[in-house]
PDB file of N, CA and C in Angstrom:
ATOM      1  N   UNK A   1     190.367 -72.060  21.755  1.00  0.00           N
ATOM      2  CA  UNK A   1     191.279 -71.437  22.690  1.00  0.00           C
ATOM      3  C   UNK A   1     192.311 -72.450  23.169  1.00  0.00           C
ATOM      4  N   UNK A   2     193.537 -71.987  23.339  1.00  0.00           N
ATOM      5  CA  UNK A   2     194.548 -72.868  23.921  1.00  0.00           C
ATOM      6  C   UNK A   2     194.482 -72.768  25.449  1.00  0.00           C
ATOM      7  N   UNK A   3     195.304 -73.548  26.116  1.00  0.00           N
ATOM      8  CA  UNK A   3     195.255 -73.629  27.587  1.00  0.00           C
ATOM      9  C   UNK A   3     195.502 -72.266  28.226  1.00  0.00           C
ATOM     10  N   UNK A   4     196.471 -71.534  27.743  1.00  0.00           N
ATOM     11  CA  UNK A   4     196.760 -70.213  28.328  1.00  0.00           C
ATOM     12  C   UNK A   4     195.590 -69.258  28.135  1.00  0.00           C
ATOM     13  N   UNK A   5     195.000 -69.243  26.955  1.00  0.00           N
ATOM     14  CA  UNK A   5     193.845 -68.387  26.710  1.00  0.00           C
ATOM     15  C   UNK A   5     192.672 -68.769  27.612  1.00  0.00           C
ATOM     16  N   UNK A   6     192.454 -70.064  27.787  1.00  0.00           N
ATOM     17  CA  UNK A   6     191.413 -70.528  28.698  1.00  0.00           C
ATOM     18  C   UNK A   6     191.701 -70.077  30.118  1.00  0.00           C
ATOM     19  N   UNK A   7     192.952 -70.186  30.544  1.00  0.00           N
ATOM     20  CA  UNK A   7     193.330 -69.762  31.894  1.00  0.00           C
ATOM     21  C   UNK A   7     193.062 -68.271  32.078  1.00  0.00           C
ATOM     22  N   UNK A   8     193.407 -67.475  31.095  1.00  0.00           N
ATOM     23  CA  UNK A   8     193.165 -66.037  31.174  1.00  0.00           C
ATOM     24  C   UNK A   8     191.672 -65.726  31.185  1.00  0.00           C
ATOM     25  N   UNK A   9     190.881 -66.510  30.449  1.00  0.00           N
ATOM     26  CA  UNK A   9     189.426 -66.348  30.456  1.00  0.00           C
ATOM     27  C   UNK A   9     188.873 -66.632  31.855  1.00  0.00           C
ATOM     28  N   UNK A  10     189.377 -67.665  32.507  1.00  0.00           N
ATOM     29  CA  UNK A  10     188.935 -67.996  33.869  1.00  0.00           C
ATOM     30  C   UNK A  10     189.319 -66.874  34.827  1.00  0.00           C
ATOM     31  N   UNK A  11     190.546 -66.413  34.752  1.00  0.00           N
ATOM     32  CA  UNK A  11     191.047 -65.364  35.641  1.00  0.00           C
ATOM     33  C   UNK A  11     190.272 -64.066  35.471  1.00  0.00           C
ATOM     34  N   UNK A  12     189.749 -63.829  34.281  1.00  0.00           N
ATOM     35  CA  UNK A  12     189.059 -62.587  33.958  1.00  0.00           C
ATOM     36  C   UNK A  12     187.840 -62.316  34.839  1.00  0.00           C
ATOM     37  N   UNK A  13     187.228 -63.354  35.390  1.00  0.00           N
ATOM     38  CA  UNK A  13     186.041 -63.185  36.226  1.00  0.00           C
ATOM     39  C   UNK A  13     186.279 -63.883  37.559  1.00  0.00           C
ATOM     40  N   UNK A  14     186.145 -63.140  38.635  1.00  0.00           N
ATOM     41  CA  UNK A  14     186.489 -63.693  39.944  1.00  0.00           C
ATOM     42  C   UNK A  14     185.664 -64.912  40.326  1.00  0.00           C
ATOM     43  N   UNK A  15     184.398 -64.988  39.924  1.00  0.00           N
ATOM     44  CA  UNK A  15     183.587 -66.155  40.295  1.00  0.00           C
ATOM     45  C   UNK A  15     184.136 -67.422  39.650  1.00  0.00           C
ATOM     46  N   UNK A  16     184.652 -67.304  38.426  1.00  0.00           N
ATOM     47  CA  UNK A  16     185.246 -68.479  37.768  1.00  0.00           C
ATOM     48  C   UNK A  16     186.561 -68.846  38.440  1.00  0.00           C
ATOM     49  N   UNK A  17     187.370 -67.851  38.778  1.00  0.00           N
ATOM     50  CA  UNK A  17     188.656 -68.109  39.422  1.00  0.00           C
ATOM     51  C   UNK A  17     188.461 -68.755  40.792  1.00  0.00           C
ATOM     52  N   UNK A  18     187.559 -68.211  41.587  1.00  0.00           N
ATOM     53  CA  UNK A  18     187.263 -68.789  42.907  1.00  0.00           C
ATOM     54  C   UNK A  18     186.802 -70.233  42.760  1.00  0.00           C
ATOM     55  N   UNK A  19     185.945 -70.464  41.779  1.00  0.00           N
ATOM     56  CA  UNK A  19     185.375 -71.798  41.587  1.00  0.00           C
ATOM     57  C   UNK A  19     186.435 -72.804  41.177  1.00  0.00           C
ATOM     58  N   UNK A  20     187.251 -72.486  40.193  1.00  0.00           N
ATOM     59  CA  UNK A  20     188.245 -73.465  39.736  1.00  0.00           C
ATOM     60  C   UNK A  20     189.306 -73.699  40.811  1.00  0.00           C
ATOM     61  N   UNK A  21     189.677 -72.657  41.555  1.00  0.00           N
ATOM     62  CA  UNK A  21     190.682 -72.836  42.606  1.00  0.00           C
ATOM     63  C   UNK A  21     190.181 -73.724  43.735  1.00  0.00           C
ATOM     64  N   UNK A  22     188.874 -73.799  43.918  1.00  0.00           N
ATOM     65  CA  UNK A  22     188.311 -74.676  44.951  1.00  0.00           C
ATOM     66  C   UNK A  22     188.669 -76.133  44.691  1.00  0.00           C
ATOM     67  N   UNK A  23     188.913 -76.489  43.432  1.00  0.00           N
ATOM     68  CA  UNK A  23     189.267 -77.868  43.097  1.00  0.00           C
ATOM     69  C   UNK A  23     190.683 -78.236  43.541  1.00  0.00           C
ATOM     70  N   UNK A  24     191.445 -77.279  44.059  1.00  0.00           N
ATOM     71  CA  UNK A  24     192.742 -77.594  44.667  1.00  0.00           C
ATOM     72  C   UNK A  24     192.558 -78.359  45.973  1.00  0.00           C
ATOM     73  N   UNK A  25     191.417 -78.135  46.650  1.00  0.00           N
ATOM     74  CA  UNK A  25     191.165 -78.746  47.950  1.00  0.00           C
ATOM     75  C   UNK A  25     190.435 -80.073  47.844  1.00  0.00           C
ATOM     76  N   UNK A  26     189.505 -80.173  46.912  1.00  0.00           N
ATOM     77  CA  UNK A  26     188.670 -81.362  46.771  1.00  0.00           C
ATOM     78  C   UNK A  26     188.571 -81.746  45.299  1.00  0.00           C
ATOM     79  N   UNK A  27     188.394 -83.018  45.021  1.00  0.00           N
ATOM     80  CA  UNK A  27     188.255 -83.477  43.639  1.00  0.00           C
ATOM     81  C   UNK A  27     186.826 -83.362  43.131  1.00  0.00           C
ATOM     82  N   UNK A  28     185.863 -83.577  44.016  1.00  0.00           N
ATOM     83  CA  UNK A  28     184.446 -83.503  43.656  1.00  0.00           C
ATOM     84  C   UNK A  28     183.800 -82.449  44.538  1.00  0.00           C
ATOM     85  N   UNK A  29     183.130 -81.489  43.902  1.00  0.00           N
ATOM     86  CA  UNK A  29     182.559 -80.374  44.650  1.00  0.00           C
ATOM     87  C   UNK A  29     181.108 -80.132  44.284  1.00  0.00           C
ATOM     88  N   UNK A  30     180.401 -79.546  45.224  1.00  0.00           N
ATOM     89  CA  UNK A  30     179.017 -79.145  45.066  1.00  0.00           C
ATOM     90  C   UNK A  30     178.984 -77.616  45.141  1.00  0.00           C
ATOM     91  N   UNK A  31     178.148 -76.960  44.365  1.00  0.00           N
ATOM     92  CA  UNK A  31     178.116 -75.491  44.378  1.00  0.00           C
ATOM     93  C   UNK A  31     177.943 -74.887  45.774  1.00  0.00           C
ATOM     94  N   UNK A  32     177.134 -75.509  46.616  1.00  0.00           N
ATOM     95  CA  UNK A  32     176.903 -74.933  47.942  1.00  0.00           C
ATOM     96  C   UNK A  32     178.159 -74.945  48.804  1.00  0.00           C
ATOM     97  N   UNK A  33     178.987 -75.969  48.656  1.00  0.00           N
ATOM     98  CA  UNK A  33     180.240 -76.025  49.409  1.00  0.00           C
ATOM     99  C   UNK A  33     181.207 -74.939  48.993  1.00  0.00           C
ATOM    100  N   UNK A  34     181.321 -74.732  47.684  1.00  0.00           N
ATOM    101  CA  UNK A  34     182.203 -73.670  47.168  1.00  0.00           C
ATOM    102  C   UNK A  34     181.684 -72.315  47.644  1.00  0.00           C
ATOM    103  N   UNK A  35     180.376 -72.119  47.540  1.00  0.00           N
ATOM    104  CA  UNK A  35     179.769 -70.846  47.934  1.00  0.00           C
ATOM    105  C   UNK A  35     180.016 -70.558  49.415  1.00  0.00           C
ATOM    106  N   UNK A  36     179.794 -71.552  50.256  1.00  0.00           N
ATOM    107  CA  UNK A  36     179.971 -71.370  51.697  1.00  0.00           C
ATOM    108  C   UNK A  36     181.419 -71.040  52.043  1.00  0.00           C
ATOM    109  N   UNK A  37     182.351 -71.789  51.466  1.00  0.00           N
ATOM    110  CA  UNK A  37     183.769 -71.580  51.767  1.00  0.00           C
ATOM    111  C   UNK A  37     184.275 -70.214  51.308  1.00  0.00           C
ATOM    112  N   UNK A  38     183.620 -69.636  50.298  1.00  0.00           N
ATOM    113  CA  UNK A  38     184.099 -68.378  49.709  1.00  0.00           C
ATOM    114  C   UNK A  38     183.151 -67.210  49.928  1.00  0.00           C
ATOM    115  N   UNK A  39     182.143 -67.407  50.791  1.00  0.00           N
ATOM    116  CA  UNK A  39     181.191 -66.341  51.127  1.00  0.00           C
ATOM    117  C   UNK A  39     180.533 -65.744  49.885  1.00  0.00           C
ATOM    118  N   UNK A  40     180.098 -66.626  49.012  1.00  0.00           N
ATOM    119  CA  UNK A  40     179.403 -66.251  47.776  1.00  0.00           C
ATOM    120  C   UNK A  40     178.020 -66.876  47.775  1.00  0.00           C
ATOM    121  N   UNK A  41     177.165 -66.386  46.895  1.00  0.00           N
ATOM    122  CA  UNK A  41     175.851 -67.009  46.772  1.00  0.00           C
ATOM    123  C   UNK A  41     175.981 -68.291  45.945  1.00  0.00           C
ATOM    124  N   UNK A  42     175.081 -69.210  46.204  1.00  0.00           N
ATOM    125  CA  UNK A  42     175.071 -70.453  45.420  1.00  0.00           C
ATOM    126  C   UNK A  42     174.815 -70.132  43.956  1.00  0.00           C
ATOM    127  N   UNK A  43     173.974 -69.149  43.685  1.00  0.00           N
ATOM    128  CA  UNK A  43     173.675 -68.765  42.306  1.00  0.00           C
ATOM    129  C   UNK A  43     174.926 -68.275  41.585  1.00  0.00           C
ATOM    130  N   UNK A  44     175.750 -67.506  42.292  1.00  0.00           N
ATOM    131  CA  UNK A  44     176.989 -66.989  41.706  1.00  0.00           C
ATOM    132  C   UNK A  44     177.921 -68.131  41.329  1.00  0.00           C
ATOM    133  N   UNK A  45     178.090 -69.089  42.214  1.00  0.00           N
ATOM    134  CA  UNK A  45     178.972 -70.229  41.966  1.00  0.00           C
ATOM    135  C   UNK A  45     178.359 -71.160  40.919  1.00  0.00           C
ATOM    136  N   UNK A  46     177.053 -71.353  40.971  1.00  0.00           N
ATOM    137  CA  UNK A  46     176.393 -72.196  39.968  1.00  0.00           C
ATOM    138  C   UNK A  46     176.567 -71.624  38.577  1.00  0.00           C
ATOM    139  N   UNK A  47     176.485 -70.309  38.464  1.00  0.00           N
ATOM    140  CA  UNK A  47     176.706 -69.669  37.159  1.00  0.00           C
ATOM    141  C   UNK A  47     178.130 -69.922  36.679  1.00  0.00           C
ATOM    142  N   UNK A  48     179.090 -69.774  37.584  1.00  0.00           N
ATOM    143  CA  UNK A  48     180.488 -70.029  37.223  1.00  0.00           C
ATOM    144  C   UNK A  48     180.672 -71.478  36.771  1.00  0.00           C
ATOM    145  N   UNK A  49     180.073 -72.412  37.495  1.00  0.00           N
ATOM    146  CA  UNK A  49     180.189 -73.825  37.110  1.00  0.00           C
ATOM    147  C   UNK A  49     179.561 -74.076  35.745  1.00  0.00           C
ATOM    148  N   UNK A  50     178.448 -73.430  35.478  1.00  0.00           N
ATOM    149  CA  UNK A  50     177.794 -73.569  34.170  1.00  0.00           C
ATOM    150  C   UNK A  50     178.712 -73.044  33.061  1.00  0.00           C
ATOM    151  N   UNK A  51     179.327 -71.889  33.297  1.00  0.00           N
ATOM    152  CA  UNK A  51     180.255 -71.317  32.305  1.00  0.00           C
ATOM    153  C   UNK A  51     181.452 -72.244  32.091  1.00  0.00           C
ATOM    154  N   UNK A  52     181.989 -72.761  33.190  1.00  0.00           N
ATOM    155  CA  UNK A  52     183.139 -73.660  33.089  1.00  0.00           C
ATOM    156  C   UNK A  52     182.753 -74.969  32.404  1.00  0.00           C
ATOM    157  N   UNK A  53     181.551 -75.442  32.651  1.00  0.00           N
ATOM    158  CA  UNK A  53     181.090 -76.673  32.005  1.00  0.00           C
ATOM    159  C   UNK A  53     180.915 -76.470  30.503  1.00  0.00           C
ATOM    160  N   UNK A  54     180.414 -75.321  30.101  1.00  0.00           N
ATOM    161  CA  UNK A  54     180.263 -75.020  28.673  1.00  0.00           C
ATOM    162  C   UNK A  54     181.599 -75.043  27.948  1.00  0.00           C
ATOM    163  N   UNK A  55     182.672 -74.698  28.652  1.00  0.00           N
ATOM    164  CA  UNK A  55     184.011 -74.667  28.060  1.00  0.00           C
ATOM    165  C   UNK A  55     184.744 -75.998  28.199  1.00  0.00           C
ATOM    166  N   UNK A  56     184.100 -76.986  28.828  1.00  0.00           N
ATOM    167  CA  UNK A  56     184.720 -78.294  28.997  1.00  0.00           C
ATOM    168  C   UNK A  56     185.765 -78.338  30.098  1.00  0.00           C
ATOM    169  N   UNK A  57     185.690 -77.411  31.041  1.00  0.00           N
ATOM    170  CA  UNK A  57     186.673 -77.316  32.119  1.00  0.00           C
ATOM    171  C   UNK A  57     186.244 -78.145  33.323  1.00  0.00           C
ATOM    172  N   UNK A  58     184.951 -78.170  33.606  1.00  0.00           N
ATOM    173  CA  UNK A  58     184.391 -79.032  34.644  1.00  0.00           C
ATOM    174  C   UNK A  58     183.310 -79.891  34.015  1.00  0.00           C
ATOM    175  N   UNK A  59     182.946 -80.933  34.759  1.00  0.00           N
ATOM    176  CA  UNK A  59     181.922 -81.853  34.273  1.00  0.00           C
ATOM    177  C   UNK A  59     181.013 -82.231  35.427  1.00  0.00           C
ATOM    178  N   UNK A  60     179.706 -82.158  35.198  1.00  0.00           N
ATOM    179  CA  UNK A  60     178.755 -82.652  36.185  1.00  0.00           C
ATOM    180  C   UNK A  60     178.824 -84.167  36.199  1.00  0.00           C
ATOM    181  N   UNK A  61     178.836 -84.761  37.387  1.00  0.00           N
ATOM    182  CA  UNK A  61     179.020 -86.214  37.447  1.00  0.00           C
ATOM    183  C   UNK A  61     177.731 -86.975  37.691  1.00  0.00           C
ATOM    184  N   UNK A  62     176.619 -86.262  37.732  1.00  0.00           N
ATOM    185  CA  UNK A  62     175.346 -86.963  37.843  1.00  0.00           C
ATOM    186  C   UNK A  62     174.350 -86.321  36.885  1.00  0.00           C
ATOM    187  N   UNK A  63     173.229 -86.949  36.708  1.00  0.00           N
ATOM    188  CA  UNK A  63     172.254 -86.487  35.730  1.00  0.00           C
ATOM    189  C   UNK A  63     171.263 -85.469  36.284  1.00  0.00           C
ATOM    190  N   UNK A  64     171.349 -85.177  37.563  1.00  0.00           N
ATOM    191  CA  UNK A  64     170.432 -84.218  38.161  1.00  0.00           C
ATOM    192  C   UNK A  64     170.609 -82.848  37.532  1.00  0.00           C
ATOM    193  N   UNK A  65     169.553 -82.075  37.487  1.00  0.00           N
ATOM    194  CA  UNK A  65     169.675 -80.698  37.016  1.00  0.00           C
ATOM    195  C   UNK A  65     169.889 -79.736  38.182  1.00  0.00           C
ATOM    196  N   UNK A  66     169.558 -80.187  39.393  1.00  0.00           N
ATOM    197  CA  UNK A  66     169.828 -79.383  40.588  1.00  0.00           C
ATOM    198  C   UNK A  66     170.673 -80.206  41.545  1.00  0.00           C
ATOM    199  N   UNK A  67     171.415 -79.544  42.389  1.00  0.00           N
ATOM    200  CA  UNK A  67     172.276 -80.175  43.379  1.00  0.00           C
ATOM    201  C   UNK A  67     173.293 -81.131  42.760  1.00  0.00           C
ATOM    202  N   UNK A  68     173.800 -80.752  41.587  1.00  0.00           N
ATOM    203  CA  UNK A  68     174.803 -81.571  40.909  1.00  0.00           C
ATOM    204  C   UNK A  68     176.155 -81.462  41.606  1.00  0.00           C
ATOM    205  N   UNK A  69     176.969 -82.463  41.418  1.00  0.00           N
ATOM    206  CA  UNK A  69     178.359 -82.450  41.874  1.00  0.00           C
ATOM    207  C   UNK A  69     179.233 -82.339  40.630  1.00  0.00           C
ATOM    208  N   UNK A  70     180.396 -81.718  40.793  1.00  0.00           N
ATOM    209  CA  UNK A  70     181.276 -81.440  39.661  1.00  0.00           C
ATOM    210  C   UNK A  70     182.695 -81.904  39.942  1.00  0.00           C
ATOM    211  N   UNK A  71     183.404 -82.197  38.856  1.00  0.00           N
ATOM    212  CA  UNK A  71     184.835 -82.469  38.931  1.00  0.00           C
ATOM    213  C   UNK A  71     185.518 -81.817  37.748  1.00  0.00           C
ATOM    214  N   UNK A  72     186.825 -81.616  37.897  1.00  0.00           N
ATOM    215  CA  UNK A  72     187.611 -81.045  36.803  1.00  0.00           C
ATOM    216  C   UNK A  72     187.822 -82.092  35.721  1.00  0.00           C
ATOM    217  N   UNK A  73     187.770 -81.659  34.478  1.00  0.00           N
ATOM    218  CA  UNK A  73     188.138 -82.520  33.370  1.00  0.00           C
ATOM    219  C   UNK A  73     189.666 -82.485  33.239  1.00  0.00           C
ATOM    220  N   UNK A  74     190.218 -83.290  32.361  1.00  0.00           N
ATOM    221  CA  UNK A  74     191.668 -83.225  32.118  1.00  0.00           C
ATOM    222  C   UNK A  74     192.056 -81.834  31.629  1.00  0.00           C
ATOM    223  N   UNK A  75     191.228 -81.262  30.769  1.00  0.00           N
ATOM    224  CA  UNK A  75     191.464 -79.899  30.294  1.00  0.00           C
ATOM    225  C   UNK A  75     191.447 -78.934  31.483  1.00  0.00           C
ATOM    226  N   UNK A  76     190.507 -79.118  32.390  1.00  0.00           N
ATOM    227  CA  UNK A  76     190.407 -78.264  33.565  1.00  0.00           C
ATOM    228  C   UNK A  76     191.633 -78.349  34.457  1.00  0.00           C
ATOM    229  N   UNK A  77     192.180 -79.540  34.593  1.00  0.00           N
ATOM    230  CA  UNK A  77     193.394 -79.721  35.403  1.00  0.00           C
ATOM    231  C   UNK A  77     194.566 -78.966  34.784  1.00  0.00           C
ATOM    232  N   UNK A  78     194.674 -79.016  33.474  1.00  0.00           N
ATOM    233  CA  UNK A  78     195.748 -78.279  32.783  1.00  0.00           C
ATOM    234  C   UNK A  78     195.563 -76.780  32.956  1.00  0.00           C
ATOM    235  N   UNK A  79     194.325 -76.331  32.862  1.00  0.00           N
ATOM    236  CA  UNK A  79     194.036 -74.908  33.016  1.00  0.00           C
ATOM    237  C   UNK A  79     194.327 -74.457  34.440  1.00  0.00           C
ATOM    238  N   UNK A  80     193.960 -75.259  35.418  1.00  0.00           N
ATOM    239  CA  UNK A  80     194.246 -74.914  36.812  1.00  0.00           C
ATOM    240  C   UNK A  80     195.754 -74.801  37.047  1.00  0.00           C
ATOM    241  N   UNK A  81     196.531 -75.720  36.491  1.00  0.00           N
ATOM    242  CA  UNK A  81     198.000 -75.622  36.617  1.00  0.00           C
ATOM    243  C   UNK A  81     198.509 -74.350  35.951  1.00  0.00           C
ATOM    244  N   UNK A  82     197.967 -74.004  34.790  1.00  0.00           N
ATOM    245  CA  UNK A  82     198.392 -72.783  34.097  1.00  0.00           C
ATOM    246  C   UNK A  82     198.020 -71.540  34.911  1.00  0.00           C
ATOM    247  N   UNK A  83     196.851 -71.538  35.517  1.00  0.00           N
ATOM    248  CA  UNK A  83     196.439 -70.419  36.367  1.00  0.00           C
ATOM    249  C   UNK A  83     197.416 -70.248  37.520  1.00  0.00           C
ATOM    250  N   UNK A  84     197.778 -71.344  38.154  1.00  0.00           N
ATOM    251  CA  UNK A  84     198.735 -71.293  39.255  1.00  0.00           C
ATOM    252  C   UNK A  84     200.069 -70.715  38.785  1.00  0.00           C
ATOM    253  N   UNK A  85     200.507 -71.091  37.575  1.00  0.00           N
ATOM    254  CA  UNK A  85     201.749 -70.534  37.023  1.00  0.00           C
ATOM    255  C   UNK A  85     201.632 -69.046  36.770  1.00  0.00           C
ATOM    256  N   UNK A  86     200.485 -68.606  36.271  1.00  0.00           N
ATOM    257  CA  UNK A  86     200.293 -67.194  35.945  1.00  0.00           C
ATOM    258  C   UNK A  86     200.224 -66.331  37.201  1.00  0.00           C
ATOM    259  N   UNK A  87     199.493 -66.797  38.216  1.00  0.00           N
ATOM    260  CA  UNK A  87     199.272 -65.932  39.386  1.00  0.00           C
ATOM    261  C   UNK A  87     200.350 -66.082  40.470  1.00  0.00           C
ATOM    262  N   UNK A  88     201.251 -67.043  40.313  1.00  0.00           N
ATOM    263  CA  UNK A  88     202.293 -67.198  41.342  1.00  0.00           C
ATOM    264  C   UNK A  88     203.555 -66.448  41.005  1.00  0.00           C
TER     265      UNK A  88
END
């Protein structure tokens, strides 16, 4: 997928869109923080992060399997900029 297709894939599901947009505020995020700020369950946000990680959009920055912290990859930053262009 190219950047635009990836952006459209993210936009297609609100949990992914909410999650990636949270990286506009902070560089490193934890699922519970995103969930709290957006009135979502941690499971919902964790699933979105897992989907985004599978696509190489976010990356877990520690080796833990629970309570991981995430950051955007370079690909993720490009996709976030494309999303902003599409929805603005």
